[in-house]
Amino acid sequence: MSELVIRDLDGHLLDRLHQTAVLHGVSVEDEVKKILDVHLSSPCAKQEALAKARVIRSRTTGRPHTSSVQLKREVYEKAS
């Protein structure tokens, strides 16, 4: 397992980390791992979703598209 040392960490930030860890019932180290995991995972997920959207867009370029408003209207009219 790798190690990470953060020098000159602001005392207030460390206090907030400690308080958050206590609230979650974990160590400060585990809290930091969770924070890093959440924040570093999200951009990757967003990038993957954007990449998939670009692929779909490239496959449907030039095709006619029905607006979502029209589709919703048709569903509503059928239900009435």
PDB file of N, CA and C in Angstrom:
ATOM      1  N   MET A   1       0.839  -1.171   0.000  1.00  0.00           N
ATOM      2  CA  MET A   1       0.000   0.000   0.000  1.00  0.00           C
ATOM      3  C   MET A   1       0.889   1.241   0.000  1.00  0.00           C
ATOM      4  N   SER A   2       0.506   2.246  -0.740  1.00  0.00           N
ATOM      5  CA  SER A   2       1.280   3.480  -0.827  1.00  0.00           C
ATOM      6  C   SER A   2       0.949   4.407   0.329  1.00  0.00           C
ATOM      7  N   GLU A   3       1.864   5.342   0.560  1.00  0.00           N
ATOM      8  CA  GLU A   3       1.668   6.341   1.606  1.00  0.00           C
ATOM      9  C   GLU A   3       1.638   7.722   0.991  1.00  0.00           C
ATOM     10  N   LEU A   4       0.908   8.611   1.646  1.00  0.00           N
ATOM     11  CA  LEU A   4       0.835   9.993   1.224  1.00  0.00           C
ATOM     12  C   LEU A   4       1.044  10.864   2.455  1.00  0.00           C
ATOM     13  N   VAL A   5       1.963  11.796   2.363  1.00  0.00           N
ATOM     14  CA  VAL A   5       2.222  12.724   3.463  1.00  0.00           C
ATOM     15  C   VAL A   5       1.825  14.115   2.980  1.00  0.00           C
ATOM     16  N   ILE A   6       1.002  14.791   3.766  1.00  0.00           N
ATOM     17  CA  ILE A   6       0.591  16.151   3.427  1.00  0.00           C
ATOM     18  C   ILE A   6       1.208  17.086   4.448  1.00  0.00           C
ATOM     19  N   ARG A   7       2.107  17.911   4.008  1.00  0.00           N
ATOM     20  CA  ARG A   7       2.799  18.840   4.902  1.00  0.00           C
ATOM     21  C   ARG A   7       2.050  20.171   4.986  1.00  0.00           C
ATOM     22  N   ASP A   8       2.231  20.854   6.099  1.00  0.00           N
ATOM     23  CA  ASP A   8       1.671  22.194   6.307  1.00  0.00           C
ATOM     24  C   ASP A   8       0.162  22.253   6.105  1.00  0.00           C
ATOM     25  N   LEU A   9      -0.539  21.234   6.581  1.00  0.00           N
ATOM     26  CA  LEU A   9      -1.992  21.206   6.500  1.00  0.00           C
ATOM     27  C   LEU A   9      -2.564  22.197   7.514  1.00  0.00           C
ATOM     28  N   ASP A  10      -3.473  23.021   7.070  1.00  0.00           N
ATOM     29  CA  ASP A  10      -4.094  24.017   7.935  1.00  0.00           C
ATOM     30  C   ASP A  10      -4.768  23.326   9.117  1.00  0.00           C
ATOM     31  N   GLY A  11      -4.562  23.853  10.306  1.00  0.00           N
ATOM     32  CA  GLY A  11      -5.118  23.266  11.516  1.00  0.00           C
ATOM     33  C   GLY A  11      -6.639  23.192  11.507  1.00  0.00           C
ATOM     34  N   HIS A  12      -7.276  24.225  10.938  1.00  0.00           N
ATOM     35  CA  HIS A  12      -8.735  24.239  10.873  1.00  0.00           C
ATOM     36  C   HIS A  12      -9.239  23.116   9.960  1.00  0.00           C
ATOM     37  N   LEU A  13      -8.522  22.878   8.887  1.00  0.00           N
ATOM     38  CA  LEU A  13      -8.897  21.805   7.974  1.00  0.00           C
ATOM     39  C   LEU A  13      -8.757  20.446   8.656  1.00  0.00           C
ATOM     40  N   LEU A  14      -7.679  20.277   9.382  1.00  0.00           N
ATOM     41  CA  LEU A  14      -7.484  19.027  10.103  1.00  0.00           C
ATOM     42  C   LEU A  14      -8.572  18.831  11.164  1.00  0.00           C
ATOM     43  N   ASP A  15      -8.951  19.913  11.836  1.00  0.00           N
ATOM     44  CA  ASP A  15     -10.042  19.836  12.812  1.00  0.00           C
ATOM     45  C   ASP A  15     -11.350  19.407  12.147  1.00  0.00           C
ATOM     46  N   ARG A  16     -11.640  19.990  10.983  1.00  0.00           N
ATOM     47  CA  ARG A  16     -12.863  19.627  10.261  1.00  0.00           C
ATOM     48  C   ARG A  16     -12.824  18.179   9.809  1.00  0.00           C
ATOM     49  N   LEU A  17     -11.663  17.731   9.362  1.00  0.00           N
ATOM     50  CA  LEU A  17     -11.515  16.323   8.974  1.00  0.00           C
ATOM     51  C   LEU A  17     -11.780  15.415  10.169  1.00  0.00           C
ATOM     52  N   HIS A  18     -11.218  15.786  11.296  1.00  0.00           N
ATOM     53  CA  HIS A  18     -11.406  14.989  12.506  1.00  0.00           C
ATOM     54  C   HIS A  18     -12.883  14.953  12.903  1.00  0.00           C
ATOM     55  N   GLN A  19     -13.548  16.107  12.892  1.00  0.00           N
ATOM     56  CA  GLN A  19     -14.967  16.164  13.251  1.00  0.00           C
ATOM     57  C   GLN A  19     -15.818  15.316  12.304  1.00  0.00           C
ATOM     58  N   THR A  20     -15.521  15.400  11.021  1.00  0.00           N
ATOM     59  CA  THR A  20     -16.265  14.615  10.035  1.00  0.00           C
ATOM     60  C   THR A  20     -16.034  13.125  10.245  1.00  0.00           C
ATOM     61  N   ALA A  21     -14.791  12.762  10.527  1.00  0.00           N
ATOM     62  CA  ALA A  21     -14.474  11.354  10.778  1.00  0.00           C
ATOM     63  C   ALA A  21     -15.228  10.842  12.001  1.00  0.00           C
ATOM     64  N   VAL A  22     -15.287  11.648  13.042  1.00  0.00           N
ATOM     65  CA  VAL A  22     -16.019  11.255  14.253  1.00  0.00           C
ATOM     66  C   VAL A  22     -17.500  11.056  13.924  1.00  0.00           C
ATOM     67  N   LEU A  23     -18.073  11.972  13.156  1.00  0.00           N
ATOM     68  CA  LEU A  23     -19.479  11.857  12.772  1.00  0.00           C
ATOM     69  C   LEU A  23     -19.751  10.566  11.999  1.00  0.00           C
ATOM     70  N   HIS A  24     -18.781  10.183  11.157  1.00  0.00           N
ATOM     71  CA  HIS A  24     -18.941   8.968  10.352  1.00  0.00           C
ATOM     72  C   HIS A  24     -18.454   7.717  11.064  1.00  0.00           C
ATOM     73  N   GLY A  25     -17.858   7.888  12.239  1.00  0.00           N
ATOM     74  CA  GLY A  25     -17.399   6.744  13.013  1.00  0.00           C
ATOM     75  C   GLY A  25     -16.190   6.044  12.424  1.00  0.00           C
ATOM     76  N   VAL A  26     -15.326   6.822  11.787  1.00  0.00           N
ATOM     77  CA  VAL A  26     -14.123   6.249  11.182  1.00  0.00           C
ATOM     78  C   VAL A  26     -12.908   7.063  11.601  1.00  0.00           C
ATOM     79  N   SER A  27     -11.744   6.563  11.240  1.00  0.00           N
ATOM     80  CA  SER A  27     -10.514   7.310  11.528  1.00  0.00           C
ATOM     81  C   SER A  27     -10.361   8.453  10.528  1.00  0.00           C
ATOM     82  N   VAL A  28      -9.515   9.413  10.868  1.00  0.00           N
ATOM     83  CA  VAL A  28      -9.237  10.520   9.953  1.00  0.00           C
ATOM     84  C   VAL A  28      -8.655   9.964   8.654  1.00  0.00           C
ATOM     85  N   GLU A  29      -7.788   8.976   8.768  1.00  0.00           N
ATOM     86  CA  GLU A  29      -7.191   8.364   7.575  1.00  0.00           C
ATOM     87  C   GLU A  29      -8.267   7.767   6.671  1.00  0.00           C
ATOM     88  N   ASP A  30      -9.225   7.036   7.254  1.00  0.00           N
ATOM     89  CA  ASP A  30     -10.303   6.454   6.455  1.00  0.00           C
ATOM     90  C   ASP A  30     -11.198   7.528   5.852  1.00  0.00           C
ATOM     91  N   GLU A  31     -11.421   8.593   6.594  1.00  0.00           N
ATOM     92  CA  GLU A  31     -12.237   9.703   6.082  1.00  0.00           C
ATOM     93  C   GLU A  31     -11.569  10.344   4.877  1.00  0.00           C
ATOM     94  N   VAL A  32     -10.261  10.560   4.964  1.00  0.00           N
ATOM     95  CA  VAL A  32      -9.516  11.151   3.845  1.00  0.00           C
ATOM     96  C   VAL A  32      -9.568  10.222   2.633  1.00  0.00           C
ATOM     97  N   LYS A  33      -9.423   8.913   2.856  1.00  0.00           N
ATOM     98  CA  LYS A  33      -9.501   7.946   1.752  1.00  0.00           C
ATOM     99  C   LYS A  33     -10.867   8.026   1.068  1.00  0.00           C
ATOM    100  N   LYS A  34     -11.926   8.122   1.889  1.00  0.00           N
ATOM    101  CA  LYS A  34     -13.278   8.195   1.337  1.00  0.00           C
ATOM    102  C   LYS A  34     -13.451   9.465   0.512  1.00  0.00           C
ATOM    103  N   ILE A  35     -12.980  10.585   1.048  1.00  0.00           N
ATOM    104  CA  ILE A  35     -13.087  11.865   0.341  1.00  0.00           C
ATOM    105  C   ILE A  35     -12.352  11.799  -0.993  1.00  0.00           C
ATOM    106  N   LEU A  36     -11.136  11.280  -0.970  1.00  0.00           N
ATOM    107  CA  LEU A  36     -10.361  11.164  -2.206  1.00  0.00           C
ATOM    108  C   LEU A  36     -11.059  10.245  -3.210  1.00  0.00           C
ATOM    109  N   ASP A  37     -11.577   9.136  -2.728  1.00  0.00           N
ATOM    110  CA  ASP A  37     -12.251   8.192  -3.611  1.00  0.00           C
ATOM    111  C   ASP A  37     -13.472   8.823  -4.270  1.00  0.00           C
ATOM    112  N   VAL A  38     -14.283   9.499  -3.476  1.00  0.00           N
ATOM    113  CA  VAL A  38     -15.493  10.122  -4.015  1.00  0.00           C
ATOM    114  C   VAL A  38     -15.145  11.202  -5.031  1.00  0.00           C
ATOM    115  N   HIS A  39     -14.212  12.052  -4.688  1.00  0.00           N
ATOM    116  CA  HIS A  39     -13.903  13.183  -5.555  1.00  0.00           C
ATOM    117  C   HIS A  39     -13.078  12.806  -6.774  1.00  0.00           C
ATOM    118  N   LEU A  40     -12.304  11.779  -6.678  1.00  0.00           N
ATOM    119  CA  LEU A  40     -11.515  11.365  -7.830  1.00  0.00           C
ATOM    120  C   LEU A  40     -12.291  10.408  -8.725  1.00  0.00           C
ATOM    121  N   SER A  41     -13.313   9.757  -8.204  1.00  0.00           N
ATOM    122  CA  SER A  41     -14.129   8.857  -9.015  1.00  0.00           C
ATOM    123  C   SER A  41     -15.127   9.630  -9.861  1.00  0.00           C
ATOM    124  N   SER A  42     -15.669  10.688  -9.326  1.00  0.00           N
ATOM    125  CA  SER A  42     -16.707  11.434 -10.025  1.00  0.00           C
ATOM    126  C   SER A  42     -16.264  11.982 -11.381  1.00  0.00           C
ATOM    127  N   PRO A  43     -15.114  12.653 -11.493  1.00  0.00           N
ATOM    128  CA  PRO A  43     -14.729  13.168 -12.801  1.00  0.00           C
ATOM    129  C   PRO A  43     -14.568  12.057 -13.837  1.00  0.00           C
ATOM    130  N   CYS A  44     -14.074  10.909 -13.426  1.00  0.00           N
ATOM    131  CA  CYS A  44     -13.919   9.797 -14.354  1.00  0.00           C
ATOM    132  C   CYS A  44     -15.273   9.335 -14.850  1.00  0.00           C
ATOM    133  N   ALA A  45     -16.232   9.226 -13.958  1.00  0.00           N
ATOM    134  CA  ALA A  45     -17.570   8.802 -14.341  1.00  0.00           C
ATOM    135  C   ALA A  45     -18.186   9.814 -15.304  1.00  0.00           C
ATOM    136  N   LYS A  46     -17.979  11.093 -15.028  1.00  0.00           N
ATOM    137  CA  LYS A  46     -18.512  12.132 -15.911  1.00  0.00           C
ATOM    138  C   LYS A  46     -17.859  12.050 -17.289  1.00  0.00           C
ATOM    139  N   GLN A  47     -16.551  11.841 -17.321  1.00  0.00           N
ATOM    140  CA  GLN A  47     -15.839  11.745 -18.587  1.00  0.00           C
ATOM    141  C   GLN A  47     -16.302  10.536 -19.389  1.00  0.00           C
ATOM    142  N   GLU A  48     -16.540   9.419 -18.709  1.00  0.00           N
ATOM    143  CA  GLU A  48     -17.034   8.223 -19.391  1.00  0.00           C
ATOM    144  C   GLU A  48     -18.424   8.476 -19.967  1.00  0.00           C
ATOM    145  N   ALA A  49     -19.287   9.130 -19.205  1.00  0.00           N
ATOM    146  CA  ALA A  49     -20.639   9.427 -19.682  1.00  0.00           C
ATOM    147  C   ALA A  49     -20.591  10.363 -20.887  1.00  0.00           C
ATOM    148  N   LEU A  50     -19.713  11.372 -20.830  1.00  0.00           N
ATOM    149  CA  LEU A  50     -19.571  12.284 -21.968  1.00  0.00           C
ATOM    150  C   LEU A  50     -19.057  11.553 -23.199  1.00  0.00           C
ATOM    151  N   ALA A  51     -18.116  10.649 -23.005  1.00  0.00           N
ATOM    152  CA  ALA A  51     -17.578   9.880 -24.129  1.00  0.00           C
ATOM    153  C   ALA A  51     -18.674   9.022 -24.764  1.00  0.00           C
ATOM    154  N   LYS A  52     -19.502   8.378 -23.932  1.00  0.00           N
ATOM    155  CA  LYS A  52     -20.602   7.572 -24.456  1.00  0.00           C
ATOM    156  C   LYS A  52     -21.612   8.446 -25.196  1.00  0.00           C
ATOM    157  N   ALA A  53     -21.901   9.617 -24.652  1.00  0.00           N
ATOM    158  CA  ALA A  53     -22.837  10.535 -25.301  1.00  0.00           C
ATOM    159  C   ALA A  53     -22.301  10.970 -26.667  1.00  0.00           C
ATOM    160  N   ARG A  54     -21.004  11.206 -26.761  1.00  0.00           N
ATOM    161  CA  ARG A  54     -20.405  11.590 -28.048  1.00  0.00           C
ATOM    162  C   ARG A  54     -20.532  10.458 -29.073  1.00  0.00           C
ATOM    163  N   VAL A  55     -20.350   9.226 -28.621  1.00  0.00           N
ATOM    164  CA  VAL A  55     -20.492   8.077 -29.529  1.00  0.00           C
ATOM    165  C   VAL A  55     -21.928   7.988 -30.031  1.00  0.00           C
ATOM    166  N   ILE A  56     -22.887   8.116 -29.117  1.00  0.00           N
ATOM    167  CA  ILE A  56     -24.301   8.062 -29.514  1.00  0.00           C
ATOM    168  C   ILE A  56     -24.620   9.195 -30.474  1.00  0.00           C
ATOM    169  N   ARG A  57     -24.140  10.396 -30.165  1.00  0.00           N
ATOM    170  CA  ARG A  57     -24.394  11.552 -31.020  1.00  0.00           C
ATOM    171  C   ARG A  57     -23.814  11.329 -32.417  1.00  0.00           C
ATOM    172  N   SER A  58     -22.612  10.762 -32.487  1.00  0.00           N
ATOM    173  CA  SER A  58     -21.994  10.532 -33.795  1.00  0.00           C
ATOM    174  C   SER A  58     -22.765   9.486 -34.601  1.00  0.00           C
ATOM    175  N   ARG A  59     -23.368   8.514 -33.918  1.00  0.00           N
ATOM    176  CA  ARG A  59     -24.143   7.478 -34.602  1.00  0.00           C
ATOM    177  C   ARG A  59     -25.496   7.974 -35.081  1.00  0.00           C
ATOM    178  N   THR A  60     -26.000   9.028 -34.461  1.00  0.00           N
ATOM    179  CA  THR A  60     -27.341   9.515 -34.803  1.00  0.00           C
ATOM    180  C   THR A  60     -27.318  10.836 -35.570  1.00  0.00           C
ATOM    181  N   THR A  61     -26.134  11.316 -35.915  1.00  0.00           N
ATOM    182  CA  THR A  61     -26.026  12.566 -36.658  1.00  0.00           C
ATOM    183  C   THR A  61     -26.714  12.423 -38.013  1.00  0.00           C
ATOM    184  N   GLY A  62     -27.526  13.412 -38.354  1.00  0.00           N
ATOM    185  CA  GLY A  62     -28.217  13.412 -39.635  1.00  0.00           C
ATOM    186  C   GLY A  62     -29.554  12.696 -39.625  1.00  0.00           C
ATOM    187  N   ARG A  63     -29.866  12.001 -38.548  1.00  0.00           N
ATOM    188  CA  ARG A  63     -31.155  11.322 -38.444  1.00  0.00           C
ATOM    189  C   ARG A  63     -32.179  12.274 -37.852  1.00  0.00           C
ATOM    190  N   PRO A  64     -33.452  12.115 -38.242  1.00  0.00           N
ATOM    191  CA  PRO A  64     -34.489  12.956 -37.627  1.00  0.00           C
ATOM    192  C   PRO A  64     -34.710  12.541 -36.173  1.00  0.00           C
ATOM    193  N   HIS A  65     -34.942  13.507 -35.328  1.00  0.00           N
ATOM    194  CA  HIS A  65     -35.160  13.258 -33.907  1.00  0.00           C
ATOM    195  C   HIS A  65     -36.484  13.878 -33.484  1.00  0.00           C
ATOM    196  N   THR A  66     -37.221  13.165 -32.658  1.00  0.00           N
ATOM    197  CA  THR A  66     -38.464  13.688 -32.099  1.00  0.00           C
ATOM    198  C   THR A  66     -38.125  14.366 -30.781  1.00  0.00           C
ATOM    199  N   SER A  67     -38.657  15.569 -30.581  1.00  0.00           N
ATOM    200  CA  SER A  67     -38.356  16.295 -29.351  1.00  0.00           C
ATOM    201  C   SER A  67     -38.988  15.577 -28.160  1.00  0.00           C
ATOM    202  N   SER A  68     -38.347  15.690 -27.019  1.00  0.00           N
ATOM    203  CA  SER A  68     -38.867  15.052 -25.803  1.00  0.00           C
ATOM    204  C   SER A  68     -40.220  15.644 -25.420  1.00  0.00           C
ATOM    205  N   VAL A  69     -40.435  16.904 -25.743  1.00  0.00           N
ATOM    206  CA  VAL A  69     -41.717  17.542 -25.450  1.00  0.00           C
ATOM    207  C   VAL A  69     -42.827  16.836 -26.231  1.00  0.00           C
ATOM    208  N   GLN A  70     -42.568  16.562 -27.507  1.00  0.00           N
ATOM    209  CA  GLN A  70     -43.552  15.877 -28.336  1.00  0.00           C
ATOM    210  C   GLN A  70     -43.822  14.462 -27.821  1.00  0.00           C
ATOM    211  N   LEU A  71     -42.761  13.755 -27.432  1.00  0.00           N
ATOM    212  CA  LEU A  71     -42.923  12.403 -26.907  1.00  0.00           C
ATOM    213  C   LEU A  71     -43.753  12.405 -25.631  1.00  0.00           C
ATOM    214  N   LYS A  72     -43.477  13.358 -24.730  1.00  0.00           N
ATOM    215  CA  LYS A  72     -44.252  13.465 -23.491  1.00  0.00           C
ATOM    216  C   LYS A  72     -45.715  13.780 -23.785  1.00  0.00           C
ATOM    217  N   ARG A  73     -45.952  14.649 -24.758  1.00  0.00           N
ATOM    218  CA  ARG A  73     -47.313  15.018 -25.124  1.00  0.00           C
ATOM    219  C   ARG A  73     -48.069  13.790 -25.630  1.00  0.00           C
ATOM    220  N   GLU A  74     -47.407  12.980 -26.470  1.00  0.00           N
ATOM    221  CA  GLU A  74     -48.050  11.780 -26.995  1.00  0.00           C
ATOM    222  C   GLU A  74     -48.392  10.797 -25.881  1.00  0.00           C
ATOM    223  N   VAL A  75     -47.492  10.617 -24.924  1.00  0.00           N
ATOM    224  CA  VAL A  75     -47.747   9.726 -23.802  1.00  0.00           C
ATOM    225  C   VAL A  75     -48.916  10.249 -22.978  1.00  0.00           C
ATOM    226  N   TYR A  76     -48.946  11.539 -22.736  1.00  0.00           N
ATOM    227  CA  TYR A  76     -50.017  12.149 -21.959  1.00  0.00           C
ATOM    228  C   TYR A  76     -51.355  11.976 -22.652  1.00  0.00           C
ATOM    229  N   GLU A  77     -51.383  12.197 -23.980  1.00  0.00           N
ATOM    230  CA  GLU A  77     -52.622  12.078 -24.737  1.00  0.00           C
ATOM    231  C   GLU A  77     -53.135  10.637 -24.747  1.00  0.00           C
ATOM    232  N   LYS A  78     -52.234   9.671 -24.829  1.00  0.00           N
ATOM    233  CA  LYS A  78     -52.634   8.265 -24.811  1.00  0.00           C
ATOM    234  C   LYS A  78     -53.210   7.871 -23.455  1.00  0.00           C
ATOM    235  N   ALA A  79     -52.664   8.450 -22.396  1.00  0.00           N
ATOM    236  CA  ALA A  79     -53.121   8.132 -21.046  1.00  0.00           C
ATOM    237  C   ALA A  79     -54.467   8.770 -20.727  1.00  0.00           C
ATOM    238  N   SER A  80     -54.809   9.832 -21.436  1.00  0.00           N
ATOM    239  CA  SER A  80     -56.069  10.558 -21.149  1.00  0.00           C
ATOM    240  C   SER A  80     -57.276   9.871 -21.723  1.00  0.00           C
TER     241      SER A  80
END
